[in-house]
Amino acid sequence: MKCQKIRRDIFIYMLYNFSFCAGKKDDKDKGKDKDKEKKKLESVPISHMGKKKKKNKGTSGHSKLPNVTPNTKCRLKLLKLERIKDYLLLEEEYITNQEQIKSSDDKNYVKLKIDDLRGSPVSVGTLEELIDENHGIIATSVGPEYYVNILSFVDKDLLEPGCSVLLNNKTNSVVGILLDEVDPLVSVMKVEKAPLESYADIGGLESQIQEIKEAVELPLTHPELYEDIGIKPPKGVILYGPPGTGKHY
């Protein structure tokens, strides 16, 4: 009897604990469900039906900071471009110097070629007649007339009959022009160098010497004598006689 009573008490105790735990668990589950429903209600935003949300334009611009430039990459890029610019300037200066050196070398080469064509020494002659642009007839003081070539680098506009030209010492080709403001016809009659001979070197001919002095020297040294007499001085004197008697003096 006692054993049955003890078993019954144990069974009642276990049944009580089981029902208590089950009720407690149900209460916990119900509490969790309530919390979930509460969170759902709190998370759902309030809908504004038929209304547009206003935007604060004034405060939106100040809320974000603008991007500040230049930054580190821009600075490095600037330094790189400056270095490239320096290299380009050096290259331009080098090319300019090379062009100047080349042009000067070309000029010197052409000048040397012209000097070779002219030859050295260069004789002087007179252009008697211009046949065409590349040919002419020249005369020298020590020989006959020559039909010669006129080189291409000679300025053809300055060539005219009677002008003084430079001649090659081998072929007598015209290689240059002597620019002179004096008329060529006048230069022929001009005495550029005074003669060294005097009247004392001439033996005899005193009367002829006196006539030459009166015709040539007195009009220049004493023109008043001719004015007093009332005659005009002669323009020149022609000497005649056999060859080799010194008439050209």
Protein backbone atom coordinates (compact mmCIF):
# COMPACT_ATOMS: atom_id res chain seq x y z
CA MET A 1 0.00 0.00 0.00
CA LYS A 2 2.75 2.40 0.85
CA CYS A 3 4.52 1.70 -2.45
CA GLN A 4 1.41 2.44 -4.44
CA LYS A 5 0.92 5.68 -2.56
CA ILE A 6 4.53 6.73 -3.23
CA ARG A 7 4.19 5.95 -6.95
CA ARG A 8 0.98 7.95 -7.14
CA ASP A 9 2.63 10.95 -5.49
CA ILE A 10 5.60 10.76 -7.86
CA PHE A 11 3.26 10.54 -10.85
CA ILE A 12 1.25 13.55 -9.68
CA TYR A 13 4.47 15.52 -9.09
CA MET A 14 5.81 14.74 -12.53
CA LEU A 15 2.48 15.57 -14.15
CA TYR A 16 2.42 18.89 -12.32
CA ASN A 17 5.96 19.78 -13.39
CA PHE A 18 5.24 18.83 -16.98
CA SER A 19 2.13 21.00 -17.14
CA PHE A 20 3.97 23.87 -15.48
CA CYS A 21 6.86 23.71 -17.95
CA ALA A 22 4.51 23.45 -20.90
CA GLY A 23 2.59 26.49 -19.75
CA LYS A 24 5.74 28.42 -19.20
CA LYS A 25 6.98 27.51 -22.67
CA ASP A 26 3.69 28.62 -24.19
CA ASP A 27 3.98 31.90 -22.33
CA LYS A 28 7.48 32.39 -23.73
CA ASP A 29 6.33 31.63 -27.28
CA LYS A 30 3.43 34.02 -26.90
CA GLY A 31 5.82 36.71 -25.62
CA LYS A 32 8.09 36.21 -28.60
CA ASP A 33 5.19 36.46 -31.02
CA LYS A 34 4.03 39.66 -29.37
CA ASP A 35 7.54 41.15 -29.64
CA LYS A 36 7.71 40.27 -33.35
CA GLU A 37 4.34 41.87 -34.03
CA LYS A 38 5.38 44.95 -32.10
CA LYS A 39 8.62 45.27 -34.13
CA LYS A 40 6.71 44.88 -37.37
CA LEU A 41 4.36 47.63 -36.36
CA GLU A 42 7.25 49.89 -35.40
CA SER A 43 9.22 49.25 -38.64
CA VAL A 44 6.35 50.00 -40.98
CA PRO A 45 6.72 53.70 -42.03
CA ILE A 46 3.79 56.03 -41.98
CA SER A 47 2.51 56.46 -45.49
CA HIS A 48 1.66 59.95 -46.70
CA MET A 49 -1.14 59.44 -49.09
CA GLY A 50 -1.52 62.24 -51.69
CA LYS A 51 1.37 64.37 -50.35
CA LYS A 52 4.84 65.02 -51.81
CA LYS A 53 7.81 65.10 -49.60
CA LYS A 54 9.51 68.48 -49.52
CA LYS A 55 13.23 68.67 -50.21
CA ASN A 56 15.46 71.10 -48.41
CA LYS A 57 17.57 72.44 -51.25
CA GLY A 58 19.46 74.82 -49.03
CA THR A 59 20.84 72.25 -46.63
CA SER A 60 21.56 69.43 -49.13
CA GLY A 61 24.48 71.30 -50.76
CA HIS A 62 26.17 72.02 -47.44
CA SER A 63 25.83 68.52 -46.19
CA LYS A 64 28.33 67.10 -48.76
CA LEU A 65 31.89 68.41 -49.03
CA PRO A 66 33.12 69.09 -52.60
CA ASN A 67 36.04 67.18 -54.08
CA VAL A 68 39.21 69.20 -53.58
CA THR A 69 41.64 69.28 -56.56
CA PRO A 70 44.48 69.05 -57.37
CA ASN A 71 45.23 66.05 -55.28
CA THR A 72 48.43 64.02 -55.16
CA LYS A 73 47.92 62.40 -58.56
CA CYS A 74 47.30 65.75 -60.25
CA ARG A 75 50.50 67.16 -58.74
CA LEU A 76 52.53 64.24 -60.04
CA LYS A 77 50.94 64.61 -63.47
CA LEU A 78 51.80 68.33 -63.49
CA LEU A 79 55.43 67.61 -62.65
CA LYS A 80 55.58 64.99 -65.39
CA LEU A 81 54.15 67.42 -67.98
CA GLU A 82 56.63 70.11 -66.92
CA ARG A 83 59.50 67.67 -67.39
CA ILE A 84 58.19 66.71 -70.84
CA LYS A 85 57.96 70.43 -71.69
CA ASP A 86 61.62 70.90 -70.72
CA TYR A 87 62.65 68.01 -72.95
CA LEU A 88 60.66 69.46 -75.87
CA LEU A 89 62.28 72.88 -75.41
CA LEU A 90 65.72 71.28 -75.43
CA GLU A 91 64.85 69.35 -78.57
CA GLU A 92 63.58 72.51 -80.30
CA GLU A 93 66.74 74.41 -79.39
CA TYR A 94 68.92 71.56 -80.65
CA ILE A 95 67.05 71.36 -83.98
CA THR A 96 67.25 75.15 -84.43
CA ASN A 97 71.00 75.14 -83.80
CA GLN A 98 71.49 72.25 -86.21
CA GLU A 99 69.56 74.10 -88.93
CA GLN A 100 71.66 77.22 -88.43
CA ILE A 101 74.88 75.23 -88.54
CA LYS A 102 73.72 73.40 -91.64
CA SER A 103 72.75 76.62 -93.43
CA SER A 104 76.10 78.21 -92.57
CA ASP A 105 77.92 75.10 -93.78
CA ASP A 106 75.95 75.17 -97.03
CA LYS A 107 76.80 78.84 -97.54
CA ASN A 108 80.47 78.19 -96.90
CA TYR A 109 80.41 75.23 -99.30
CA VAL A 110 78.80 77.32 -102.05
CA LYS A 111 81.27 80.14 -101.44
CA LEU A 112 84.21 77.76 -101.72
CA LYS A 113 82.82 76.33 -104.95
CA ILE A 114 82.42 79.82 -106.43
CA ASP A 115 85.96 80.72 -105.40
CA ASP A 116 87.22 77.55 -107.08
CA LEU A 117 85.39 78.45 -110.28
CA ARG A 118 86.74 81.99 -110.23
CA GLY A 119 90.28 80.86 -109.68
CA SER A 120 93.16 82.85 -108.31
CA PRO A 121 94.48 85.30 -109.34
CA VAL A 122 91.59 86.94 -111.20
CA SER A 123 92.31 89.24 -114.13
CA VAL A 124 90.33 92.34 -115.04
CA GLY A 125 88.86 93.03 -118.46
CA THR A 126 86.22 95.09 -120.24
CA LEU A 127 82.98 93.76 -121.66
CA GLU A 128 82.88 94.93 -125.26
CA GLU A 129 79.64 93.28 -126.38
CA LEU A 130 76.99 91.11 -124.74
CA ILE A 131 76.00 88.33 -127.17
CA ASP A 132 73.41 86.60 -124.93
CA GLU A 133 72.91 85.76 -121.28
CA ASN A 134 75.73 83.22 -121.24
CA HIS A 135 78.24 84.59 -123.76
CA GLY A 136 80.01 87.87 -124.42
CA ILE A 137 83.04 89.50 -126.03
CA ILE A 138 85.67 90.88 -123.67
CA ALA A 139 88.89 92.81 -124.15
CA THR A 140 91.97 92.89 -121.97
CA SER A 141 94.75 95.45 -121.74
CA VAL A 142 97.43 92.99 -122.85
CA GLY A 143 95.74 91.03 -125.61
CA PRO A 144 93.05 90.80 -128.27
CA GLU A 145 89.33 90.40 -127.80
CA TYR A 146 87.88 87.04 -126.71
CA TYR A 147 84.51 85.33 -127.06
CA VAL A 148 83.99 83.87 -123.58
CA ASN A 149 81.38 82.27 -121.34
CA ILE A 150 79.51 84.14 -118.61
CA LEU A 151 79.04 81.94 -115.53
CA SER A 152 75.56 81.43 -114.08
CA PHE A 153 76.23 83.08 -110.68
CA VAL A 154 77.10 86.43 -112.33
CA ASP A 155 74.33 89.03 -112.03
CA LYS A 156 73.22 89.56 -115.63
CA ASP A 157 71.33 92.78 -114.80
CA LEU A 158 74.59 94.57 -114.03
CA LEU A 159 76.28 93.56 -117.27
CA GLU A 160 76.47 96.28 -119.90
CA PRO A 161 78.96 97.12 -122.66
CA GLY A 162 81.99 98.94 -121.30
CA CYS A 163 81.74 97.67 -117.71
CA SER A 164 84.73 96.14 -115.95
CA VAL A 165 84.47 92.39 -115.37
CA LEU A 166 86.51 89.78 -113.53
CA LEU A 167 87.98 87.03 -115.71
CA ASN A 168 89.20 83.56 -114.89
CA ASN A 169 92.96 83.37 -115.25
CA LYS A 170 92.82 80.18 -117.37
CA THR A 171 89.66 80.33 -119.50
CA ASN A 172 88.99 84.11 -119.41
CA SER A 173 85.35 83.35 -118.48
CA VAL A 174 83.42 86.16 -116.82
CA VAL A 175 83.24 85.27 -113.10
CA GLY A 176 82.27 88.63 -111.60
CA ILE A 177 81.64 92.33 -112.05
CA LEU A 178 83.62 95.26 -110.71
CA LEU A 179 81.03 97.66 -109.37
CA ASP A 180 82.13 101.24 -109.95
CA GLU A 181 80.03 104.38 -109.88
CA VAL A 182 82.26 106.03 -112.52
CA ASP A 183 81.27 105.73 -116.16
CA PRO A 184 83.52 103.16 -117.93
CA LEU A 185 84.24 105.66 -120.72
CA VAL A 186 85.47 108.15 -118.16
CA SER A 187 87.63 105.58 -116.40
CA VAL A 188 89.49 104.92 -119.67
CA MET A 189 90.57 108.57 -119.87
CA LYS A 190 91.35 108.87 -116.18
CA VAL A 191 94.95 108.76 -115.02
CA GLU A 192 94.91 106.71 -111.84
CA LYS A 193 98.66 106.79 -111.27
CA ALA A 194 100.92 109.78 -111.92
CA PRO A 195 103.83 109.10 -114.32
CA LEU A 196 107.31 109.06 -112.87
CA GLU A 197 108.96 110.64 -115.94
CA SER A 198 109.65 114.37 -116.14
CA TYR A 199 110.52 116.84 -118.91
CA ALA A 200 114.17 116.56 -117.92
CA ASP A 201 114.19 112.94 -119.14
CA ILE A 202 113.37 114.12 -122.67
CA GLY A 203 116.33 115.22 -124.72
CA GLY A 204 115.68 118.24 -126.94
CA LEU A 205 112.19 119.16 -128.18
CA GLU A 206 112.14 122.32 -126.07
CA SER A 207 109.66 124.08 -128.35
CA GLN A 208 107.27 121.13 -128.31
CA ILE A 209 107.53 120.91 -124.51
CA GLN A 210 106.72 124.60 -124.22
CA GLU A 211 103.67 124.21 -126.46
CA ILE A 212 102.39 121.29 -124.34
CA LYS A 213 102.84 123.34 -121.17
CA GLU A 214 100.92 126.26 -122.66
CA ALA A 215 98.12 124.01 -123.94
CA VAL A 216 97.74 121.66 -120.94
CA GLU A 217 99.32 123.07 -117.80
CA LEU A 218 98.69 126.81 -118.00
CA PRO A 219 94.86 126.52 -118.37
CA LEU A 220 94.89 124.65 -115.05
CA THR A 221 97.53 126.58 -113.14
CA HIS A 222 97.00 130.11 -114.56
CA PRO A 223 93.54 130.38 -116.18
CA GLU A 224 93.61 134.19 -115.77
CA LEU A 225 96.20 134.46 -118.58
CA TYR A 226 93.70 133.12 -121.11
CA GLU A 227 90.98 135.37 -119.71
CA ASP A 228 93.19 138.44 -120.14
CA ILE A 229 94.03 137.53 -123.74
CA GLY A 230 90.42 136.57 -124.42
CA ILE A 231 90.97 133.13 -125.92
CA LYS A 232 89.69 129.70 -124.86
CA PRO A 233 92.24 127.06 -123.86
CA PRO A 234 92.44 123.98 -126.08
CA LYS A 235 90.62 120.82 -124.93
CA GLY A 236 93.51 118.49 -125.75
CA VAL A 237 96.76 117.90 -127.61
CA ILE A 238 97.46 115.24 -130.23
CA LEU A 239 101.05 114.08 -130.57
CA TYR A 240 102.19 112.49 -133.80
CA GLY A 241 105.40 110.89 -134.91
CA PRO A 242 107.10 107.54 -135.53
CA PRO A 243 106.49 104.65 -133.13
CA GLY A 244 108.65 104.32 -130.04
CA THR A 245 109.24 108.03 -129.50
CA GLY A 246 107.28 108.28 -126.20
CA LYS A 247 104.09 109.90 -127.44
CA HIS A 248 101.91 108.15 -124.81
CA TYR A 249 103.73 109.92 -121.97
